[in-house]
Each structure stands twice: as C-alpha cells, then as structure tokens.
Amino acid sequence: MSKGKAKASKKKKKSASDRKQAFMKLVLSDTCAVCKTPCARGTQYWERMQEPGAIGKGIPCPLTKTYH
C-alpha cells in the first residue's frame, strides 16, 4: 500500500478591493511655503503660484501619505 500525499493548501489571493491604498492630502502653495521639509514638487508648485494671475488647485503632499 502506498501512502497518499497531503493536498497542498491554496493561498488566498487578495482582491484589488482588499489591498491597502495610499492617500495623500492636497496642499496649497501657502502650506508648501512654510513646510519644514520641502520637496522638489512642492517647491516648483510654490514658484509657479508666485506668478501674477496663477491659478492652482493644490498638489498631493507625500508627507501626508496614509494607507487605508
């Protein structure tokens, strides 16, 4: 008599809705101006907003990254 092999357990794959997603807050140029650790993207945005008539909606700040 031969011994049977145990069945391999299947690993459950995480669906797209189960994965954690990174979120960043949108900040305006005034926030970038007083930031203690300025990033290149924030500095460029702040410089663009200093031009007369510039309209900005904000940029995502990597310092405010959270996972949900």
C-alpha atoms as a PDB file:
ATOM      1  CA  MET A   1       0.000   0.000   0.000  1.00  0.00           C
ATOM      2  CA  SER A   2       1.240   3.430  -0.852  1.00  0.00           C
ATOM      3  CA  LYS A   3       0.724   6.447   1.293  1.00  0.00           C
ATOM      4  CA  GLY A   4      -1.213   9.339  -0.249  1.00  0.00           C
ATOM      5  CA  LYS A   5       0.275  12.804  -0.333  1.00  0.00           C
ATOM      6  CA  ALA A   6      -1.415  15.564   1.588  1.00  0.00           C
ATOM      7  CA  LYS A   7      -3.164  18.136  -0.543  1.00  0.00           C
ATOM      8  CA  ALA A   8      -1.335  21.414  -0.917  1.00  0.00           C
ATOM      9  CA  SER A   9      -3.190  24.238   0.705  1.00  0.00           C
ATOM     10  CA  LYS A  10      -4.150  27.024  -1.653  1.00  0.00           C
ATOM     11  CA  LYS A  11      -3.162  30.544  -0.691  1.00  0.00           C
ATOM     12  CA  LYS A  12      -5.945  33.031  -0.948  1.00  0.00           C
ATOM     13  CA  LYS A  13      -5.033  35.924  -3.221  1.00  0.00           C
ATOM     14  CA  LYS A  14      -6.029  39.379  -2.119  1.00  0.00           C
ATOM     15  CA  SER A  15      -8.503  41.033  -4.405  1.00  0.00           C
ATOM     16  CA  ALA A  16      -7.978  44.600  -5.581  1.00  0.00           C
ATOM     17  CA  SER A  17     -10.502  45.895  -3.055  1.00  0.00           C
ATOM     18  CA  ASP A  18      -8.670  44.234  -0.130  1.00  0.00           C
ATOM     19  CA  ARG A  19      -5.301  45.889  -0.800  1.00  0.00           C
ATOM     20  CA  LYS A  20      -4.282  48.977   1.096  1.00  0.00           C
ATOM     21  CA  GLN A  21      -4.270  52.142  -0.987  1.00  0.00           C
ATOM     22  CA  ALA A  22      -2.085  55.188  -0.392  1.00  0.00           C
ATOM     23  CA  PHE A  23      -3.801  58.546   0.055  1.00  0.00           C
ATOM     24  CA  MET A  24      -2.176  61.978   0.171  1.00  0.00           C
ATOM     25  CA  LYS A  25      -3.750  65.260   1.198  1.00  0.00           C
ATOM     26  CA  LEU A  26      -3.920  68.087  -1.319  1.00  0.00           C
ATOM     27  CA  VAL A  27      -1.999  71.117  -0.114  1.00  0.00           C
ATOM     28  CA  LEU A  28      -1.853  74.653  -1.455  1.00  0.00           C
ATOM     29  CA  SER A  29       1.198  76.819  -2.063  1.00  0.00           C
ATOM     30  CA  ASP A  30       0.957  78.529   1.340  1.00  0.00           C
ATOM     31  CA  THR A  31       1.465  75.144   3.008  1.00  0.00           C
ATOM     32  CA  CYS A  32       4.483  74.427   0.788  1.00  0.00           C
ATOM     33  CA  ALA A  33       5.947  77.834   1.655  1.00  0.00           C
ATOM     34  CA  VAL A  34       6.131  77.040   5.395  1.00  0.00           C
ATOM     35  CA  CYS A  35       6.979  73.332   5.088  1.00  0.00           C
ATOM     36  CA  LYS A  36       9.904  72.203   7.277  1.00  0.00           C
ATOM     37  CA  THR A  37      10.971  69.521   4.762  1.00  0.00           C
ATOM     38  CA  PRO A  38      10.271  70.958   1.296  1.00  0.00           C
ATOM     39  CA  CYS A  39      10.152  68.550  -1.631  1.00  0.00           C
ATOM     40  CA  ALA A  40      11.067  69.369  -5.230  1.00  0.00           C
ATOM     41  CA  ARG A  41       7.467  69.093  -6.427  1.00  0.00           C
ATOM     42  CA  GLY A  42       6.190  71.420  -3.693  1.00  0.00           C
ATOM     43  CA  THR A  43       8.941  73.962  -4.356  1.00  0.00           C
ATOM     44  CA  GLN A  44       8.143  74.018  -8.084  1.00  0.00           C
ATOM     45  CA  TYR A  45       4.423  74.431  -7.340  1.00  0.00           C
ATOM     46  CA  TRP A  46       5.110  77.264  -4.900  1.00  0.00           C
ATOM     47  CA  GLU A  47       7.261  79.070  -7.505  1.00  0.00           C
ATOM     48  CA  ARG A  48       4.520  78.729 -10.157  1.00  0.00           C
ATOM     49  CA  MET A  49       1.926  80.149  -7.770  1.00  0.00           C
ATOM     50  CA  GLN A  50       4.065  83.256  -7.150  1.00  0.00           C
ATOM     51  CA  GLU A  51       3.426  84.426 -10.745  1.00  0.00           C
ATOM     52  CA  PRO A  52       0.662  87.053 -11.053  1.00  0.00           C
ATOM     53  CA  GLY A  53      -2.659  85.505 -12.110  1.00  0.00           C
ATOM     54  CA  ALA A  54      -1.612  81.921 -11.343  1.00  0.00           C
ATOM     55  CA  ILE A  55      -4.441  79.534 -10.526  1.00  0.00           C
ATOM     56  CA  GLY A  56      -3.717  76.350  -8.643  1.00  0.00           C
ATOM     57  CA  LYS A  57      -5.805  73.568  -7.166  1.00  0.00           C
ATOM     58  CA  GLY A  58      -3.085  72.133  -4.942  1.00  0.00           C
ATOM     59  CA  ILE A  59      -0.746  69.170  -5.165  1.00  0.00           C
ATOM     60  CA  PRO A  60      -0.596  65.865  -3.262  1.00  0.00           C
ATOM     61  CA  CYS A  61       1.855  66.125  -0.377  1.00  0.00           C
ATOM     62  CA  PRO A  62       4.000  62.997   0.148  1.00  0.00           C
ATOM     63  CA  LEU A  63       4.479  63.913   3.821  1.00  0.00           C
ATOM     64  CA  THR A  64       0.779  63.343   4.480  1.00  0.00           C
ATOM     65  CA  LYS A  65       0.658  59.819   2.994  1.00  0.00           C
ATOM     66  CA  THR A  66      -1.671  57.429   4.779  1.00  0.00           C
ATOM     67  CA  TYR A  67      -2.847  53.934   3.918  1.00  0.00           C
ATOM     68  CA  HIS A  68      -6.497  52.867   4.022  1.00  0.00           C
END
